Protein backbone atom coordinates (compact mmCIF):
# COMPACT_ATOMS: atom_id res chain seq x y z
CA MET A 1 -102.48 34.56 148.94
CA ARG A 2 -105.42 33.97 146.63
CA ILE A 3 -106.07 30.66 144.89
CA ILE A 4 -107.97 31.31 141.67
CA ARG A 5 -109.40 28.35 139.78
CA HIS A 6 -109.76 28.86 136.01
CA PRO A 7 -109.45 32.66 136.25
CA LYS A 8 -111.48 34.77 133.85
CA ARG A 9 -110.36 37.99 132.20
CA GLY A 10 -109.78 40.80 134.67
CA LYS A 11 -109.25 38.64 137.76
CA LEU A 12 -105.62 39.72 137.91
CA HIS A 13 -104.35 43.15 136.90
CA ARG A 14 -101.23 43.04 134.71
CA PRO A 15 -99.44 40.48 136.89
CA VAL A 16 -95.87 39.29 136.87
CA VAL A 17 -96.24 35.54 136.40
CA ALA A 18 -94.10 32.47 137.10
CA LEU A 19 -95.32 29.96 134.53
CA GLY A 20 -95.09 26.18 134.79
CA THR A 21 -96.53 22.96 136.16
CA PHE A 22 -93.89 23.04 138.93
CA ASP A 23 -94.37 19.44 140.09
CA GLY A 24 -92.26 19.11 143.23
CA VAL A 25 -91.61 22.86 143.51
CA HIS A 26 -87.92 21.92 143.66
CA LEU A 27 -84.94 24.29 143.90
CA GLY A 28 -85.10 25.10 140.19
CA HIS A 29 -88.81 25.94 140.39
CA GLN A 30 -88.23 27.96 143.55
CA LYS A 31 -85.64 30.05 141.75
CA VAL A 32 -88.16 30.91 139.00
CA ILE A 33 -90.97 31.74 141.44
CA LYS A 34 -88.80 33.80 143.80
CA ALA A 35 -87.42 35.78 140.86
CA ALA A 36 -90.95 36.60 139.70
CA ALA A 37 -92.07 37.64 143.19
CA ARG A 38 -88.95 39.76 143.72
CA PHE A 39 -89.33 41.52 140.35
CA ALA A 40 -93.03 42.18 140.97
CA ARG A 41 -92.24 43.87 144.29
CA LYS A 42 -89.55 45.94 142.62
CA ILE A 43 -91.91 47.38 140.00
CA GLY A 44 -94.99 47.50 142.24
CA ALA A 45 -96.89 44.80 140.34
CA HIS A 46 -99.00 41.85 141.42
CA SER A 47 -97.14 38.51 141.53
CA ALA A 48 -98.71 35.18 140.60
CA VAL A 49 -97.95 31.59 139.73
CA LEU A 50 -99.74 30.16 136.71
CA THR A 51 -99.94 26.40 136.99
CA PHE A 52 -101.99 23.46 135.71
CA ASP A 53 -103.97 20.56 137.11
CA PRO A 54 -103.98 17.70 136.39
CA HIS A 55 -100.33 17.29 135.43
CA PRO A 56 -100.11 17.66 131.61
CA GLN A 57 -98.53 14.21 131.29
CA GLU A 58 -101.66 12.65 132.81
CA VAL A 59 -103.60 13.98 129.82
CA VAL A 60 -100.98 13.66 127.09
CA ALA A 61 -99.71 10.19 128.05
CA PRO A 62 -102.10 8.60 130.57
CA LYS A 63 -100.73 5.08 130.02
CA ARG A 64 -97.36 6.09 131.46
CA GLY A 65 -98.94 6.27 134.90
CA LEU A 66 -97.04 9.36 136.04
CA ARG A 67 -96.77 9.71 139.81
CA GLN A 68 -96.60 13.28 141.09
CA LEU A 69 -94.11 14.65 143.58
CA THR A 70 -96.73 17.08 144.85
CA THR A 71 -100.51 17.15 144.79
CA LEU A 72 -102.14 20.43 143.77
CA LYS A 73 -102.84 21.32 147.41
CA GLU A 74 -99.22 20.62 148.35
CA ARG A 75 -97.99 22.78 145.46
CA GLU A 76 -100.24 25.64 146.53
CA GLU A 77 -98.90 25.47 150.10
CA LEU A 78 -95.32 25.57 148.80
CA PHE A 79 -96.09 28.52 146.50
CA LEU A 80 -97.36 30.40 149.55
CA ARG A 81 -93.95 30.11 151.21
CA LEU A 82 -92.23 31.66 148.19
CA GLY A 83 -93.87 35.06 148.42
CA VAL A 84 -96.32 35.19 145.50
CA GLU A 85 -99.67 36.92 145.99
CA SER A 86 -101.89 34.69 143.83
CA VAL A 87 -101.97 31.25 142.25
CA ALA A 88 -103.92 30.86 139.02
CA VAL A 89 -104.82 27.22 138.35
CA PHE A 90 -105.99 26.23 134.88
CA ARG A 91 -107.45 22.81 134.21
CA PHE A 92 -105.25 20.99 131.70
CA THR A 93 -107.52 19.34 129.13
CA HIS A 94 -107.22 17.75 125.69
CA ARG A 95 -108.56 21.03 124.30
CA LEU A 96 -105.79 23.03 125.96
CA GLN A 97 -103.25 20.43 124.84
CA LYS A 98 -104.22 20.98 121.19
CA LEU A 99 -103.69 24.76 121.24
CA THR A 100 -100.87 26.05 119.07
CA PRO A 101 -98.16 28.03 120.88
CA GLN A 102 -99.66 31.30 119.65
CA GLN A 103 -103.20 30.31 120.66
CA PHE A 104 -102.00 29.42 124.15
CA VAL A 105 -100.22 32.75 124.58
CA GLU A 106 -103.15 34.75 123.18
CA ARG A 107 -105.92 33.02 125.10
CA TYR A 108 -104.26 32.42 128.45
CA LEU A 109 -101.38 34.83 128.96
CA VAL A 110 -102.77 37.83 127.11
CA LYS A 111 -106.59 37.69 127.17
CA ARG A 112 -107.24 35.78 130.40
CA LEU A 113 -104.40 37.13 132.55
CA GLY A 114 -103.15 40.23 130.75
CA ILE A 115 -99.62 39.54 131.96
CA ARG A 116 -96.98 42.24 132.25
CA PHE A 117 -94.01 39.90 132.59
CA VAL A 118 -93.49 36.13 132.58
CA PHE A 119 -90.73 34.14 134.26
CA VAL A 120 -89.98 30.61 133.03
CA GLY A 121 -87.33 27.94 133.48
CA TYR A 122 -84.50 27.34 131.02
CA ASP A 123 -86.25 24.31 129.46
CA TYR A 124 -89.79 25.69 129.23
CA ALA A 125 -91.86 24.62 126.22
CA PHE A 126 -95.53 25.23 125.44
CA GLY A 127 -98.33 24.62 122.96
CA GLN A 128 -99.29 21.51 121.01
CA GLY A 129 -96.48 18.98 120.97
CA ARG A 130 -94.35 21.40 123.05
CA LYS A 131 -93.53 23.21 119.81
CA GLY A 132 -93.29 26.58 121.51
CA ASN A 133 -89.72 27.33 122.63
CA LEU A 134 -88.11 30.22 124.47
CA LYS A 135 -87.24 32.07 121.27
CA LEU A 136 -90.88 31.94 120.20
CA LEU A 137 -92.09 33.05 123.64
CA LYS A 138 -89.86 36.12 123.46
CA LYS A 139 -91.16 36.84 119.96
CA PHE A 140 -94.74 36.72 121.26
CA GLY A 141 -93.70 38.93 124.17
CA LYS A 142 -92.66 41.66 121.75
CA LYS A 143 -95.83 41.22 119.72
CA TYR A 144 -98.26 41.31 122.65
CA GLY A 145 -96.37 43.63 124.97
CA PHE A 146 -95.08 41.51 127.83
CA GLY A 147 -91.56 40.84 129.06
CA VAL A 148 -89.91 37.43 129.28
CA SER A 149 -87.23 36.33 131.73
CA VAL A 150 -85.58 32.91 131.47
CA ILE A 151 -84.09 31.53 134.69
CA PRO A 152 -81.00 29.29 134.38
CA PRO A 153 -80.94 25.78 135.89
CA VAL A 154 -79.93 24.90 139.43
CA LYS A 155 -77.35 22.15 139.97
CA VAL A 156 -76.98 19.86 142.97
CA ALA A 157 -74.08 17.39 143.21
CA GLY A 158 -73.26 18.13 139.58
CA HIS A 159 -76.77 17.31 138.33
CA VAL A 160 -79.33 19.73 136.92
CA VAL A 161 -82.34 19.66 139.24
CA LYS A 162 -85.37 18.27 137.40
CA SER A 163 -88.64 16.73 138.55
CA ARG A 164 -87.97 13.59 136.53
CA MET A 165 -84.62 13.01 138.24
CA ILE A 166 -86.14 13.53 141.69
CA ARG A 167 -88.83 10.94 140.91
CA GLU A 168 -86.11 8.48 139.91
CA LEU A 169 -84.05 9.17 143.03
CA LEU A 170 -87.03 8.70 145.34
CA SER A 171 -88.01 5.47 143.59
CA GLN A 172 -84.45 4.14 143.84
CA GLY A 173 -84.08 4.90 147.54
CA GLN A 174 -81.61 7.77 147.04
CA PHE A 175 -83.63 9.83 149.48
CA ALA A 176 -80.95 12.22 150.77
CA LEU A 177 -80.02 13.48 147.30
CA ALA A 178 -83.69 13.83 146.35
CA LEU A 179 -84.28 16.04 149.41
CA LYS A 180 -81.28 18.22 148.53
CA MET A 181 -82.85 18.83 145.12
CA LEU A 182 -86.28 19.54 146.60
CA GLY A 183 -84.93 21.81 149.31
CA TYR A 184 -87.45 20.61 151.92
CA PRO A 185 -88.75 17.35 153.53
CA TYR A 186 -90.85 15.12 151.28
CA ARG A 187 -94.51 15.38 152.23
CA ILE A 188 -97.08 12.59 152.14
CA THR A 189 -100.65 13.61 152.89
CA GLY A 190 -103.37 11.11 153.65
CA LYS A 191 -106.48 10.27 155.63
CA VAL A 192 -106.09 7.82 158.51
CA VAL A 193 -108.07 4.65 157.80
CA LYS A 194 -108.70 1.52 159.83
CA GLY A 195 -105.93 -1.08 159.54
CA GLU A 196 -105.54 -4.64 160.76
CA GLY A 197 -104.25 -3.58 164.19
CA ARG A 198 -101.01 -5.58 163.99
CA GLY A 199 -98.85 -2.64 165.06
CA ARG A 200 -100.94 -2.03 168.18
CA LYS A 201 -100.76 -5.72 169.15
CA MET A 202 -96.95 -5.56 168.90
CA GLY A 203 -96.83 -2.41 171.03
CA PHE A 204 -96.23 0.01 168.14
CA PRO A 205 -99.62 1.48 167.11
CA THR A 206 -99.63 2.97 163.63
CA ALA A 207 -101.86 5.31 161.65
CA ASN A 208 -102.54 3.81 158.24
CA LEU A 209 -102.76 6.47 155.55
CA LYS A 210 -104.94 6.45 152.46
CA VAL A 211 -102.83 8.42 149.97
CA ASP A 212 -103.85 9.94 146.63
CA PRO A 213 -103.04 7.19 144.08
CA ARG A 214 -101.39 9.78 141.84
CA LYS A 215 -98.83 10.63 144.54
CA LEU A 216 -95.34 9.17 144.22
CA LEU A 217 -94.36 7.13 147.26
CA PRO A 218 -90.62 6.82 147.96
CA ALA A 219 -88.91 3.45 147.70
CA GLN A 220 -90.14 0.89 150.20
CA GLY A 221 -88.42 1.23 153.54
CA VAL A 222 -88.46 2.91 156.94
CA TYR A 223 -88.32 6.71 157.21
CA VAL A 224 -88.20 9.40 159.89
CA GLY A 225 -90.46 12.42 159.71
CA PHE A 226 -92.67 14.90 161.51
CA VAL A 227 -96.44 15.28 161.82
CA ASP A 228 -97.33 18.75 163.11
CA GLY A 229 -93.99 18.96 164.90
CA LYS A 230 -94.24 15.47 166.40
CA LYS A 231 -91.52 13.04 165.35
CA CYS A 232 -92.63 9.80 163.72
CA VAL A 233 -91.28 6.61 162.18
CA VAL A 234 -92.93 5.71 158.88
CA ASN A 235 -92.98 2.35 157.15
CA ILE A 236 -93.67 2.38 153.43
CA GLY A 237 -94.00 -1.11 152.07
CA SER A 238 -95.95 -4.32 151.69
CA ARG A 239 -95.16 -5.85 155.13
CA PRO A 240 -93.45 -8.97 153.71
CA THR A 241 -93.23 -10.57 157.17
CA PHE A 242 -97.03 -10.88 157.08
CA GLY A 243 -97.28 -11.83 153.40
CA GLY A 244 -98.46 -8.43 152.18
CA ASP A 245 -98.66 -7.76 148.45
CA HIS A 246 -99.32 -4.00 148.10
CA SER A 247 -97.72 -0.83 149.47
CA LEU A 248 -99.01 0.77 152.64
CA VAL A 249 -98.01 3.92 154.51
CA GLU A 250 -97.94 3.29 158.27
CA VAL A 251 -97.09 6.13 160.66
CA HIS A 252 -95.97 5.56 164.26
CA LEU A 253 -95.93 8.83 166.22
CA LEU A 254 -93.44 8.87 169.07
CA ASN A 255 -94.86 9.70 172.51
CA PHE A 256 -98.45 9.79 171.24
CA SER A 257 -101.45 7.75 172.34
CA GLY A 258 -104.51 9.48 170.82
CA ASN A 259 -107.01 8.28 168.22
CA LEU A 260 -106.28 9.61 164.71
CA LEU A 261 -108.86 7.59 162.77
CA GLY A 262 -110.51 9.71 160.07
CA LYS A 263 -108.09 12.62 160.41
CA GLU A 264 -105.85 13.95 157.65
CA LEU A 265 -102.14 13.77 158.40
CA ARG A 266 -99.38 15.67 156.67
CA VAL A 267 -96.20 13.67 157.11
CA ASP A 268 -92.91 15.40 156.32
CA LEU A 269 -90.18 12.80 155.74
CA PHE A 270 -86.61 14.00 156.30
CA ALA A 271 -84.50 10.81 156.41
CA ARG A 272 -84.50 7.17 155.28
CA LEU A 273 -83.43 4.72 157.97
CA ARG A 274 -83.31 1.50 155.98
CA GLU A 275 -84.90 -0.56 153.24
CA GLU A 276 -87.82 -2.88 153.96
CA LYS A 277 -86.88 -6.32 155.27
CA GLN A 278 -88.65 -9.64 155.73
CA PHE A 279 -88.23 -11.23 159.16
CA THR A 280 -88.61 -14.90 160.05
CA ASP A 281 -90.78 -14.14 163.08
CA VAL A 282 -92.61 -11.29 164.82
CA ASN A 283 -90.11 -11.09 167.71
CA LYS A 284 -87.27 -10.23 165.31
CA LEU A 285 -89.48 -7.63 163.64
CA CYS A 286 -90.27 -6.06 167.04
CA ALA A 287 -86.58 -5.94 167.91
CA GLN A 288 -85.82 -4.12 164.65
CA ILE A 289 -88.67 -1.65 165.17
CA LYS A 290 -87.24 -0.80 168.61
CA LYS A 291 -83.87 -0.11 166.97
CA ASP A 292 -85.55 2.06 164.31
CA ILE A 293 -87.35 4.11 166.97
CA ALA A 294 -84.15 4.53 169.01
CA ARG A 295 -82.31 5.83 165.94
CA ALA A 296 -85.19 8.14 165.06
CA ARG A 297 -85.19 9.71 168.53
CA LYS A 298 -81.53 10.68 168.09
CA MET A 299 -82.09 12.38 164.72
């Protein structure tokens, strides 16, 4: 798979494109991307995802402080699993934001990419103020000679799968339902930095992760995950027992004793054990950590 940053005209030859920001690459997004890849194979065309970075909401409404489900690198890795041949990444800027729907289609879909067919989700909108709707996209398709396919929504537990809902579920601690909508474990990527060494002193050494500040962390609590196939227990929280006041991500790898300082870890969380608690003393905290690890080993 090729990753193409800000592709110029001619980089891709008449591709079939899945178009969207695709934050989270959830089940709904996957349906769009898989449909594009499948159709491209059927007609012998090149398949690609056209996406944007940073997230448009970071440019349009920076004060909202949007937290992303997936970093660009994480999105690209997920796209790779879905069978597309290329990923075209355009930088989302104020200039791009101000393009009319027709200008966006002309400059990006037609002139820069020369698309043959575009696949979008049921709620796709484009152009300044999101004024471009699906009806208009199909109209432009007829004018400029490309096909348009609109993929219906995916529902989980009676809810339409949307990035916004998944963010809310993760923030509220409804981790299991969020994972069902994503269709895969929730990944947190970060560089291991030096901590205060409290975990090691208690007999539970942890790798402290420095995470992209734009990344959404799940609700504070204790989680179970994997790092390169090794099971781990992860604490996300402020460590109230020690008077902490800001969120940390601390990873305890089971049956591991090496030095991870300075390395990048990709932690795939698959279950939430409990919410964060404050303990009256360190001994009670240690007892709870032992229980958490015992539960994690059985999962």
